[in-house]
C-alpha atoms as a PDB file:
ATOM      1  CA  MET A   1    -116.740 117.259 -71.848  1.00  0.00           C
ATOM      2  CA  SER A   2    -112.995 116.692 -71.449  1.00  0.00           C
ATOM      3  CA  THR A   3    -111.587 113.274 -70.620  1.00  0.00           C
ATOM      4  CA  LYS A   4    -110.474 114.463 -67.167  1.00  0.00           C
ATOM      5  CA  SER A   5    -113.869 116.011 -66.377  1.00  0.00           C
ATOM      6  CA  ALA A   6    -115.657 112.816 -67.433  1.00  0.00           C
ATOM      7  CA  GLY A   7    -113.252 110.740 -65.344  1.00  0.00           C
ATOM      8  CA  THR A   8    -113.841 112.963 -62.312  1.00  0.00           C
ATOM      9  CA  LEU A   9    -117.623 112.603 -62.682  1.00  0.00           C
ATOM     10  CA  TYR A  10    -117.358 108.810 -63.090  1.00  0.00           C
ATOM     11  CA  THR A  11    -115.203 108.555 -59.970  1.00  0.00           C
ATOM     12  CA  ILE A  12    -117.440 110.830 -57.891  1.00  0.00           C
ATOM     13  CA  GLY A  13    -120.469 108.830 -59.063  1.00  0.00           C
ATOM     14  CA  ALA A  14    -118.875 105.581 -57.898  1.00  0.00           C
ATOM     15  CA  TYR A  15    -118.072 106.932 -54.440  1.00  0.00           C
ATOM     16  CA  LEU A  16    -121.522 108.525 -54.065  1.00  0.00           C
ATOM     17  CA  LEU A  17    -123.174 105.181 -54.825  1.00  0.00           C
ATOM     18  CA  TRP A  18    -120.901 103.396 -52.337  1.00  0.00           C
ATOM     19  CA  GLY A  19    -121.766 106.100 -49.808  1.00  0.00           C
ATOM     20  CA  VAL A  20    -125.498 105.263 -49.894  1.00  0.00           C
ATOM     21  CA  PHE A  21    -124.954 101.482 -49.946  1.00  0.00           C
ATOM     22  CA  PRO A  22    -125.934 101.114 -46.252  1.00  0.00           C
ATOM     23  CA  LEU A  23    -129.468 102.345 -47.016  1.00  0.00           C
ATOM     24  CA  TYR A  24    -129.797  99.800 -49.831  1.00  0.00           C
ATOM     25  CA  PHE A  25    -128.777  96.841 -47.654  1.00  0.00           C
ATOM     26  CA  ILE A  26    -130.924  97.985 -44.732  1.00  0.00           C
ATOM     27  CA  ALA A  27    -133.890  98.054 -47.154  1.00  0.00           C
ATOM     28  CA  LEU A  28    -133.319  94.338 -47.833  1.00  0.00           C
ATOM     29  CA  ASP A  29    -134.363  93.365 -44.291  1.00  0.00           C
ATOM     30  CA  PRO A  30    -135.537  90.698 -43.280  1.00  0.00           C
ATOM     31  CA  THR A  31    -133.117  88.935 -45.632  1.00  0.00           C
ATOM     32  CA  GLY A  32    -130.036  87.970 -43.612  1.00  0.00           C
ATOM     33  CA  PRO A  33    -126.560  89.294 -44.489  1.00  0.00           C
ATOM     34  CA  PHE A  34    -125.247  85.933 -45.684  1.00  0.00           C
ATOM     35  CA  GLU A  35    -128.149  85.401 -48.082  1.00  0.00           C
ATOM     36  CA  VAL A  36    -127.759  88.988 -49.343  1.00  0.00           C
ATOM     37  CA  VAL A  37    -124.093  88.417 -50.219  1.00  0.00           C
ATOM     38  CA  ALA A  38    -124.849  85.041 -51.830  1.00  0.00           C
ATOM     39  CA  TRP A  39    -127.360  86.685 -54.188  1.00  0.00           C
ATOM     40  CA  ARG A  40    -124.931  89.556 -54.679  1.00  0.00           C
ATOM     41  CA  LEU A  41    -122.263  87.138 -55.929  1.00  0.00           C
ATOM     42  CA  LEU A  42    -124.605  85.207 -58.210  1.00  0.00           C
ATOM     43  CA  LEU A  43    -126.364  88.235 -59.679  1.00  0.00           C
ATOM     44  CA  THR A  44    -123.123  90.139 -60.204  1.00  0.00           C
ATOM     45  CA  LEU A  45    -121.917  87.231 -62.320  1.00  0.00           C
ATOM     46  CA  VAL A  46    -125.170  87.288 -64.311  1.00  0.00           C
ATOM     47  CA  PHE A  47    -124.905  91.047 -64.868  1.00  0.00           C
ATOM     48  CA  CYS A  48    -121.252  90.782 -65.937  1.00  0.00           C
ATOM     49  CA  ALA A  49    -122.060  87.943 -68.352  1.00  0.00           C
ATOM     50  CA  LEU A  50    -124.739  90.106 -69.968  1.00  0.00           C
ATOM     51  CA  LEU A  51    -122.315  93.028 -70.104  1.00  0.00           C
ATOM     52  CA  LEU A  52    -119.638  90.917 -71.793  1.00  0.00           C
ATOM     53  CA  SER A  53    -122.216  89.732 -74.328  1.00  0.00           C
ATOM     54  CA  VAL A  54    -123.325  93.281 -75.142  1.00  0.00           C
ATOM     55  CA  THR A  55    -119.759  94.632 -75.368  1.00  0.00           C
ATOM     56  CA  ARG A  56    -118.420  91.493 -77.089  1.00  0.00           C
ATOM     57  CA  GLY A  57    -115.890  90.985 -74.341  1.00  0.00           C
ATOM     58  CA  TRP A  58    -115.841  87.189 -74.218  1.00  0.00           C
ATOM     59  CA  GLN A  59    -112.680  87.079 -76.325  1.00  0.00           C
ATOM     60  CA  ARG A  60    -110.804  89.104 -73.692  1.00  0.00           C
ATOM     61  CA  LEU A  61    -111.994  86.631 -71.074  1.00  0.00           C
ATOM     62  CA  ARG A  62    -110.738  83.670 -73.143  1.00  0.00           C
ATOM     63  CA  VAL A  63    -107.279  85.265 -73.351  1.00  0.00           C
ATOM     64  CA  ILE A  64    -107.182  85.658 -69.558  1.00  0.00           C
ATOM     65  CA  TRP A  65    -108.443  82.087 -69.088  1.00  0.00           C
ATOM     66  CA  ARG A  66    -105.311  80.746 -70.783  1.00  0.00           C
ATOM     67  CA  GLN A  67    -103.026  82.420 -68.208  1.00  0.00           C
ATOM     68  CA  PRO A  68    -102.876  80.444 -64.920  1.00  0.00           C
ATOM     69  CA  ARG A  69    -101.149  83.257 -63.007  1.00  0.00           C
ATOM     70  CA  LEU A  70    -103.909  85.726 -63.824  1.00  0.00           C
ATOM     71  CA  LEU A  71    -106.591  83.183 -62.952  1.00  0.00           C
ATOM     72  CA  ALA A  72    -104.973  82.558 -59.566  1.00  0.00           C
ATOM     73  CA  LEU A  73    -104.787  86.290 -58.859  1.00  0.00           C
ATOM     74  CA  THR A  74    -108.436  86.830 -59.839  1.00  0.00           C
ATOM     75  CA  ALA A  75    -109.423  83.948 -57.522  1.00  0.00           C
ATOM     76  CA  LEU A  76    -107.516  85.598 -54.654  1.00  0.00           C
ATOM     77  CA  ALA A  77    -109.135  88.941 -55.503  1.00  0.00           C
ATOM     78  CA  GLY A  78    -112.534  87.230 -55.470  1.00  0.00           C
ATOM     79  CA  LEU A  79    -111.920  85.795 -51.995  1.00  0.00           C
ATOM     80  CA  LEU A  80    -110.808  89.169 -50.631  1.00  0.00           C
ATOM     81  CA  ILE A  81    -113.735  91.082 -52.095  1.00  0.00           C
ATOM     82  CA  TYR A  82    -116.131  88.407 -50.771  1.00  0.00           C
ATOM     83  CA  ILE A  83    -114.711  88.919 -47.250  1.00  0.00           C
ATOM     84  CA  ASN A  84    -115.066  92.684 -47.676  1.00  0.00           C
ATOM     85  CA  TRP A  85    -118.659  92.422 -48.907  1.00  0.00           C
ATOM     86  CA  GLN A  86    -119.650  89.965 -46.196  1.00  0.00           C
ATOM     87  CA  VAL A  87    -118.213  92.021 -43.336  1.00  0.00           C
ATOM     88  CA  PHE A  88    -119.723  95.220 -44.748  1.00  0.00           C
ATOM     89  CA  VAL A  89    -123.225  93.746 -45.099  1.00  0.00           C
ATOM     90  CA  ILE A  90    -123.096  92.124 -41.639  1.00  0.00           C
ATOM     91  CA  ALA A  91    -122.062  95.480 -40.155  1.00  0.00           C
ATOM     92  CA  THR A  92    -124.592  97.532 -42.119  1.00  0.00           C
ATOM     93  CA  MET A  93    -127.540  95.284 -41.333  1.00  0.00           C
ATOM     94  CA  GLY A  94    -126.346  94.945 -37.737  1.00  0.00           C
ATOM     95  CA  GLY A  95    -126.340  98.677 -36.946  1.00  0.00           C
ATOM     96  CA  ALA A  96    -122.588  99.348 -37.256  1.00  0.00           C
ATOM     97  CA  VAL A  97    -122.494 101.759 -40.207  1.00  0.00           C
ATOM     98  CA  VAL A  98    -120.285 104.208 -38.299  1.00  0.00           C
ATOM     99  CA  GLU A  99    -117.629 101.541 -37.843  1.00  0.00           C
ATOM    100  CA  THR A 100    -117.690 100.713 -41.564  1.00  0.00           C
ATOM    101  CA  SER A 101    -116.912 104.367 -42.238  1.00  0.00           C
ATOM    102  CA  LEU A 102    -113.914 104.111 -39.896  1.00  0.00           C
ATOM    103  CA  GLY A 103    -112.577 101.229 -41.986  1.00  0.00           C
ATOM    104  CA  TYR A 104    -112.812 103.207 -45.210  1.00  0.00           C
ATOM    105  CA  PHE A 105    -111.319 106.319 -43.592  1.00  0.00           C
ATOM    106  CA  ILE A 106    -108.259 104.276 -42.618  1.00  0.00           C
ATOM    107  CA  ASN A 107    -108.029 102.307 -45.884  1.00  0.00           C
ATOM    108  CA  PRO A 108    -106.018 104.849 -47.976  1.00  0.00           C
ATOM    109  CA  ILE A 109    -103.434 105.143 -45.205  1.00  0.00           C
ATOM    110  CA  PHE A 110    -103.262 101.353 -44.869  1.00  0.00           C
ATOM    111  CA  THR A 111    -102.771 101.104 -48.639  1.00  0.00           C
ATOM    112  CA  VAL A 112     -99.714 103.365 -48.375  1.00  0.00           C
ATOM    113  CA  LEU A 113     -98.364 101.140 -45.584  1.00  0.00           C
ATOM    114  CA  LEU A 114     -98.878  98.052 -47.766  1.00  0.00           C
ATOM    115  CA  GLY A 115     -96.854  99.736 -50.481  1.00  0.00           C
ATOM    116  CA  VAL A 116     -93.970 100.111 -48.029  1.00  0.00           C
ATOM    117  CA  LEU A 117     -94.149  96.612 -46.539  1.00  0.00           C
ATOM    118  CA  VAL A 118     -94.943  94.587 -49.678  1.00  0.00           C
ATOM    119  CA  LEU A 119     -93.808  96.643 -52.663  1.00  0.00           C
ATOM    120  CA  HIS A 120     -90.862  98.287 -50.829  1.00  0.00           C
ATOM    121  CA  GLU A 121     -91.997 101.741 -51.888  1.00  0.00           C
ATOM    122  CA  ARG A 122     -90.481 104.806 -50.254  1.00  0.00           C
ATOM    123  CA  ILE A 123     -92.911 107.256 -48.696  1.00  0.00           C
ATOM    124  CA  ARG A 124     -92.588 110.812 -47.472  1.00  0.00           C
ATOM    125  CA  ALA A 125     -92.336 111.943 -43.845  1.00  0.00           C
ATOM    126  CA  ALA A 126     -95.879 113.355 -43.852  1.00  0.00           C
ATOM    127  CA  GLN A 127     -97.239 109.955 -44.896  1.00  0.00           C
ATOM    128  CA  TRP A 128     -95.408 108.316 -41.985  1.00  0.00           C
ATOM    129  CA  VAL A 129     -96.988 110.895 -39.669  1.00  0.00           C
ATOM    130  CA  ALA A 130    -100.455 110.047 -41.063  1.00  0.00           C
ATOM    131  CA  ILE A 131     -99.816 106.316 -40.516  1.00  0.00           C
ATOM    132  CA  GLY A 132     -98.691 106.978 -36.941  1.00  0.00           C
ATOM    133  CA  ILE A 133    -101.730 109.101 -36.095  1.00  0.00           C
ATOM    134  CA  ALA A 134    -104.087 106.471 -37.585  1.00  0.00           C
ATOM    135  CA  GLY A 135    -102.388 103.801 -35.454  1.00  0.00           C
ATOM    136  CA  ILE A 136    -102.852 105.922 -32.326  1.00  0.00           C
ATOM    137  CA  ALA A 137    -106.525 106.416 -33.241  1.00  0.00           C
ATOM    138  CA  VAL A 138    -107.122 102.659 -33.437  1.00  0.00           C
ATOM    139  CA  GLY A 139    -105.329 102.247 -30.097  1.00  0.00           C
ATOM    140  CA  VAL A 140    -107.553 104.902 -28.494  1.00  0.00           C
ATOM    141  CA  ILE A 141    -110.697 103.182 -29.740  1.00  0.00           C
ATOM    142  CA  ILE A 142    -109.501  99.813 -28.409  1.00  0.00           C
ATOM    143  CA  VAL A 143    -108.353 101.088 -24.982  1.00  0.00           C
ATOM    144  CA  ALA A 144    -110.689 104.001 -24.244  1.00  0.00           C
ATOM    145  CA  HIS A 145    -113.837 102.717 -25.936  1.00  0.00           C
ATOM    146  CA  GLY A 146    -113.142  99.180 -24.746  1.00  0.00           C
ATOM    147  CA  THR A 147    -113.952  97.449 -28.018  1.00  0.00           C
ATOM    148  CA  PHE A 148    -111.788  96.004 -30.772  1.00  0.00           C
ATOM    149  CA  PRO A 149    -112.849  97.582 -34.095  1.00  0.00           C
ATOM    150  CA  TRP A 150    -112.839  94.256 -35.944  1.00  0.00           C
ATOM    151  CA  ILE A 151    -115.319  95.480 -38.557  1.00  0.00           C
ATOM    152  CA  ALA A 152    -113.264  98.554 -39.454  1.00  0.00           C
ATOM    153  CA  LEU A 153    -109.947  96.681 -39.510  1.00  0.00           C
ATOM    154  CA  SER A 154    -111.394  93.747 -41.484  1.00  0.00           C
ATOM    155  CA  LEU A 155    -112.750  96.130 -44.113  1.00  0.00           C
ATOM    156  CA  THR A 156    -109.446  98.018 -44.213  1.00  0.00           C
ATOM    157  CA  ALA A 157    -107.349  94.869 -44.540  1.00  0.00           C
ATOM    158  CA  SER A 158    -109.544  93.074 -47.089  1.00  0.00           C
ATOM    159  CA  PHE A 159    -109.995  96.078 -49.373  1.00  0.00           C
ATOM    160  CA  GLY A 160    -106.363  97.137 -49.034  1.00  0.00           C
ATOM    161  CA  LEU A 161    -105.142  93.654 -49.976  1.00  0.00           C
ATOM    162  CA  TYR A 162    -107.723  93.524 -52.776  1.00  0.00           C
ATOM    163  CA  GLY A 163    -106.222  96.716 -54.176  1.00  0.00           C
ATOM    164  CA  LEU A 164    -102.742  95.217 -53.911  1.00  0.00           C
ATOM    165  CA  VAL A 165    -103.807  92.118 -55.856  1.00  0.00           C
ATOM    166  CA  LYS A 166    -105.489  94.271 -58.498  1.00  0.00           C
ATOM    167  CA  LYS A 167    -102.246  96.228 -58.807  1.00  0.00           C
ATOM    168  CA  LYS A 168    -100.404  92.932 -59.400  1.00  0.00           C
ATOM    169  CA  ILE A 169    -102.943  92.042 -62.096  1.00  0.00           C
ATOM    170  CA  GLY A 170    -102.516  95.460 -63.686  1.00  0.00           C
ATOM    171  CA  PRO A 171    -104.017  96.370 -67.067  1.00  0.00           C
ATOM    172  CA  GLN A 172    -103.895  92.752 -68.267  1.00  0.00           C
ATOM    173  CA  VAL A 173    -107.443  92.237 -66.961  1.00  0.00           C
ATOM    174  CA  ASP A 174    -110.130  94.806 -67.822  1.00  0.00           C
ATOM    175  CA  ALA A 175    -112.758  95.787 -65.249  1.00  0.00           C
ATOM    176  CA  ALA A 176    -115.656  93.711 -66.624  1.00  0.00           C
ATOM    177  CA  SER A 177    -113.568  90.551 -67.131  1.00  0.00           C
ATOM    178  CA  GLY A 178    -111.989  90.924 -63.701  1.00  0.00           C
ATOM    179  CA  LEU A 179    -115.308  91.293 -61.888  1.00  0.00           C
ATOM    180  CA  THR A 180    -116.744  88.378 -63.898  1.00  0.00           C
ATOM    181  CA  LEU A 181    -113.924  86.052 -62.832  1.00  0.00           C
ATOM    182  CA  GLU A 182    -113.945  87.265 -59.220  1.00  0.00           C
ATOM    183  CA  SER A 183    -117.670  86.517 -58.994  1.00  0.00           C
ATOM    184  CA  PHE A 184    -117.257  83.204 -60.834  1.00  0.00           C
ATOM    185  CA  TRP A 185    -114.692  81.846 -58.357  1.00  0.00           C
ATOM    186  CA  MET A 186    -117.025  82.646 -55.442  1.00  0.00           C
ATOM    187  CA  ILE A 187    -120.033  80.765 -56.876  1.00  0.00           C
ATOM    188  CA  PRO A 188    -119.342  77.650 -54.711  1.00  0.00           C
ATOM    189  CA  VAL A 189    -119.344  79.927 -51.640  1.00  0.00           C
ATOM    190  CA  ALA A 190    -122.676  81.448 -52.701  1.00  0.00           C
ATOM    191  CA  ILE A 191    -124.231  78.005 -53.284  1.00  0.00           C
ATOM    192  CA  VAL A 192    -123.065  76.687 -49.890  1.00  0.00           C
ATOM    193  CA  ILE A 193    -124.495  79.781 -48.195  1.00  0.00           C
ATOM    194  CA  LEU A 194    -127.882  79.375 -49.899  1.00  0.00           C
ATOM    195  CA  VAL A 195    -128.001  75.672 -48.960  1.00  0.00           C
ATOM    196  CA  PHE A 196    -127.460  76.547 -45.299  1.00  0.00           C
ATOM    197  CA  VAL A 197    -129.953  79.425 -45.482  1.00  0.00           C
ATOM    198  CA  ALA A 198    -132.560  77.113 -47.046  1.00  0.00           C
ATOM    199  CA  GLN A 199    -132.196  74.747 -44.083  1.00  0.00           C
ATOM    200  CA  ASP A 200    -132.472  77.608 -41.591  1.00  0.00           C
ATOM    201  CA  GLY A 201    -135.755  78.395 -39.878  1.00  0.00           C
ATOM    202  CA  ARG A 202    -136.495  81.427 -42.061  1.00  0.00           C
ATOM    203  CA  GLY A 203    -135.435  79.839 -45.343  1.00  0.00           C
ATOM    204  CA  ILE A 204    -134.565  81.683 -48.542  1.00  0.00           C
ATOM    205  CA  THR A 205    -136.381  85.020 -48.745  1.00  0.00           C
ATOM    206  CA  MET A 206    -135.968  85.747 -52.486  1.00  0.00           C
ATOM    207  CA  GLY A 207    -139.521  86.096 -53.823  1.00  0.00           C
ATOM    208  CA  ALA A 208    -141.087  85.347 -50.447  1.00  0.00           C
ATOM    209  CA  ILE A 209    -141.449  88.807 -48.833  1.00  0.00           C
ATOM    210  CA  SER A 210    -143.018  91.255 -51.287  1.00  0.00           C
ATOM    211  CA  PRO A 211    -142.711  92.287 -54.959  1.00  0.00           C
ATOM    212  CA  LEU A 212    -140.696  95.402 -53.970  1.00  0.00           C
ATOM    213  CA  HIS A 213    -138.332  93.347 -51.818  1.00  0.00           C
ATOM    214  CA  THR A 214    -137.827  90.876 -54.675  1.00  0.00           C
ATOM    215  CA  VAL A 215    -136.990  93.683 -57.095  1.00  0.00           C
ATOM    216  CA  LEU A 216    -134.551  95.282 -54.643  1.00  0.00           C
ATOM    217  CA  LEU A 217    -132.797  91.981 -53.939  1.00  0.00           C
ATOM    218  CA  SER A 218    -132.708  91.166 -57.659  1.00  0.00           C
ATOM    219  CA  CYS A 219    -130.831  94.438 -58.255  1.00  0.00           C
ATOM    220  CA  ALA A 220    -127.899  93.331 -56.058  1.00  0.00           C
ATOM    221  CA  GLY A 221    -125.803  92.488 -59.107  1.00  0.00           C
ATOM    222  CA  ILE A 222    -126.456  95.824 -60.791  1.00  0.00           C
ATOM    223  CA  ALA A 223    -125.880  97.720 -57.526  1.00  0.00           C
ATOM    224  CA  THR A 224    -122.533  95.957 -57.153  1.00  0.00           C
ATOM    225  CA  ALA A 225    -121.275  96.205 -60.722  1.00  0.00           C
ATOM    226  CA  VAL A 226    -122.270  99.771 -61.675  1.00  0.00           C
ATOM    227  CA  PRO A 227    -120.096 101.656 -59.129  1.00  0.00           C
ATOM    228  CA  LEU A 228    -117.171  99.299 -59.775  1.00  0.00           C
ATOM    229  CA  LEU A 229    -117.389  99.941 -63.520  1.00  0.00           C
ATOM    230  CA  LEU A 230    -117.748 103.701 -62.957  1.00  0.00           C
ATOM    231  CA  PHE A 231    -114.699 103.567 -60.711  1.00  0.00           C
ATOM    232  CA  ALA A 232    -112.689 101.657 -63.317  1.00  0.00           C
ATOM    233  CA  ALA A 233    -113.726 104.121 -66.038  1.00  0.00           C
ATOM    234  CA  GLY A 234    -112.899 107.092 -63.833  1.00  0.00           C
ATOM    235  CA  THR A 235    -109.486 105.985 -62.589  1.00  0.00           C
ATOM    236  CA  ARG A 236    -108.318 105.436 -66.172  1.00  0.00           C
ATOM    237  CA  ARG A 237    -108.973 109.111 -66.902  1.00  0.00           C
ATOM    238  CA  VAL A 238    -107.783 111.028 -63.809  1.00  0.00           C
ATOM    239  CA  ASP A 239    -104.666 111.189 -61.631  1.00  0.00           C
ATOM    240  CA  LEU A 240    -104.494 108.823 -58.680  1.00  0.00           C
ATOM    241  CA  SER A 241    -103.845 111.805 -56.401  1.00  0.00           C
ATOM    242  CA  LEU A 242    -107.305 113.124 -57.327  1.00  0.00           C
ATOM    243  CA  VAL A 243    -108.840 109.698 -56.727  1.00  0.00           C
ATOM    244  CA  GLY A 244    -107.082 109.679 -53.346  1.00  0.00           C
ATOM    245  CA  MET A 245    -108.972 112.807 -52.333  1.00  0.00           C
ATOM    246  CA  ILE A 246    -112.326 111.919 -53.898  1.00  0.00           C
ATOM    247  CA  GLN A 247    -112.437 108.531 -52.138  1.00  0.00           C
ATOM    248  CA  PHE A 248    -113.190 110.160 -48.769  1.00  0.00           C
ATOM    249  CA  ILE A 249    -116.708 110.957 -50.055  1.00  0.00           C
ATOM    250  CA  THR A 250    -117.784 107.396 -49.203  1.00  0.00           C
ATOM    251  CA  PRO A 251    -116.722 107.194 -45.526  1.00  0.00           C
ATOM    252  CA  ILE A 252    -117.961 110.746 -44.874  1.00  0.00           C
ATOM    253  CA  MET A 253    -121.389 109.800 -46.214  1.00  0.00           C
ATOM    254  CA  GLN A 254    -121.415 106.527 -44.296  1.00  0.00           C
ATOM    255  CA  PHE A 255    -120.409 108.251 -41.067  1.00  0.00           C
ATOM    256  CA  LEU A 256    -123.161 110.854 -41.448  1.00  0.00           C
ATOM    257  CA  LEU A 257    -125.714 108.144 -42.273  1.00  0.00           C
ATOM    258  CA  GLY A 258    -124.743 106.064 -39.247  1.00  0.00           C
ATOM    259  CA  TRP A 259    -124.522 108.929 -36.768  1.00  0.00           C
ATOM    260  CA  ALA A 260    -127.043 111.538 -37.934  1.00  0.00           C
ATOM    261  CA  VAL A 261    -129.637 109.431 -39.795  1.00  0.00           C
ATOM    262  CA  LEU A 262    -129.548 106.000 -38.149  1.00  0.00           C
ATOM    263  CA  GLY A 263    -128.701 107.319 -34.669  1.00  0.00           C
ATOM    264  CA  GLU A 264    -125.785 105.000 -33.881  1.00  0.00           C
ATOM    265  CA  PRO A 265    -124.055 105.835 -30.564  1.00  0.00           C
ATOM    266  CA  MET A 266    -120.925 108.010 -30.541  1.00  0.00           C
ATOM    267  CA  PRO A 267    -119.576 108.217 -26.971  1.00  0.00           C
ATOM    268  CA  PRO A 268    -116.718 110.679 -26.254  1.00  0.00           C
ATOM    269  CA  GLU A 269    -113.978 108.023 -26.511  1.00  0.00           C
ATOM    270  CA  ARG A 270    -115.154 107.076 -29.972  1.00  0.00           C
ATOM    271  CA  TRP A 271    -115.236 110.727 -31.026  1.00  0.00           C
ATOM    272  CA  ILE A 272    -111.604 111.060 -29.931  1.00  0.00           C
ATOM    273  CA  GLY A 273    -110.634 108.076 -32.100  1.00  0.00           C
ATOM    274  CA  PHE A 274    -112.474 109.465 -35.117  1.00  0.00           C
ATOM    275  CA  VAL A 275    -111.008 112.973 -34.653  1.00  0.00           C
ATOM    276  CA  LEU A 276    -107.520 111.438 -34.644  1.00  0.00           C
ATOM    277  CA  VAL A 277    -108.335 109.525 -37.840  1.00  0.00           C
ATOM    278  CA  TRP A 278    -109.589 112.733 -39.460  1.00  0.00           C
ATOM    279  CA  LEU A 279    -106.378 114.479 -38.387  1.00  0.00           C
ATOM    280  CA  ALA A 280    -104.396 111.710 -40.092  1.00  0.00           C
ATOM    281  CA  ILE A 281    -106.482 112.228 -43.235  1.00  0.00           C
ATOM    282  CA  VAL A 282    -105.828 115.991 -43.176  1.00  0.00           C
ATOM    283  CA  VAL A 283    -102.087 115.283 -43.058  1.00  0.00           C
ATOM    284  CA  PHE A 284    -102.446 112.646 -45.797  1.00  0.00           C
ATOM    285  CA  VAL A 285    -104.517 114.795 -48.185  1.00  0.00           C
ATOM    286  CA  GLY A 286    -102.443 117.904 -47.412  1.00  0.00           C
ATOM    287  CA  ASP A 287     -99.315 116.021 -48.468  1.00  0.00           C
ATOM    288  CA  LEU A 288    -101.043 114.954 -51.703  1.00  0.00           C
ATOM    289  CA  LEU A 289    -101.981 118.551 -52.482  1.00  0.00           C
ATOM    290  CA  VAL A 290     -98.461 119.819 -51.768  1.00  0.00           C
ATOM    291  CA  GLN A 291     -96.890 117.166 -54.000  1.00  0.00           C
ATOM    292  CA  LYS A 292     -99.428 117.832 -56.750  1.00  0.00           C
ATOM    293  CA  ALA A 293     -98.708 121.566 -56.657  1.00  0.00           C
ATOM    294  CA  ARG A 294     -94.959 120.944 -56.599  1.00  0.00           C
ATOM    295  CA  GLY A 295     -95.220 118.611 -59.591  1.00  0.00           C
ATOM    296  CA  ARG A 296     -97.234 121.210 -61.503  1.00  0.00           C
ATOM    297  CA  HIS A 297     -94.574 123.860 -60.917  1.00  0.00           C
ATOM    298  CA  GLU A 298     -91.817 121.502 -62.026  1.00  0.00           C
ATOM    299  CA  GLU A 299     -93.548 120.559 -65.299  1.00  0.00           C
ATOM    300  CA  PRO A 300     -92.166 122.349 -68.387  1.00  0.00           C
ATOM    301  CA  ALA A 301     -94.524 124.873 -69.941  1.00  0.00           C
ATOM    302  CA  GLU A 302     -96.574 123.480 -72.812  1.00  0.00           C
ATOM    303  CA  PRO A 303     -96.207 125.213 -76.178  1.00  0.00           C
ATOM    304  CA  ALA A 304     -99.067 127.514 -77.057  1.00  0.00           C
ATOM    305  CA  GLU A 305    -101.567 126.212 -79.593  1.00  0.00           C
ATOM    306  CA  LEU A 306    -101.726 127.920 -82.959  1.00  0.00           C
ATOM    307  CA  VAL A 307    -105.090 129.519 -83.539  1.00  0.00           C
END
């Protein structure tokens, strides 16, 4: 298998796993969303520590540990990904899977906007059109549907900013070390959550519901780390333009799960908002395809191999 084919399969695998995440978290009921994320943080750290031991990656972590700037950035990344995880699990377990899909539909367009505002990147006219249509879609949902899509916008903002921080970190921090540090910085948050949950009426549910529930909850670290590592392995092997198109697998799956499988309501005003978002995505992906084709035509022909 070629490097590009392997990278494409890794990336698709990551987005497919993220697409079925709502079913996994729903299966963890009656555990509350805050306890779920607390175990997710702790068990992700455990999984990453085992992974670093197997791959002999502790030396890479020690190098990063001696660089205060990188440590600060990984701490910020950890906070942002915690916010993203917490909002996503609250929404999923609270019957708002459709709105999570809206957040991840908008995220690529928001990422482009961040590049303009923060990194002072120049974007093409079609990308501005996509940003404008996405903005109108959010406005329609707020005005016509009468609700502020705080879940979708929180997911968009937290994951978009997380991506920006990871871009600042760059290749100096490998995927396993980065996820280890991000989880490590959030351990105090996880401990505080579990203390409050223990004092709640229901208490901590780990090991208290059923053997199957305990196994599922114990897999939170693996379920978190595997798609992230697949994603990291995939994006190193394929063009970002291809990743930009593949990433819509996740919100499409989440939308179909929420609407068709879980039966979440989709009144006409909400459909209008989603159709506008999809139109923005068509413009966005169409521009990517045009630029990719144009770049291919402009590339010099490669010399033929000698047989």
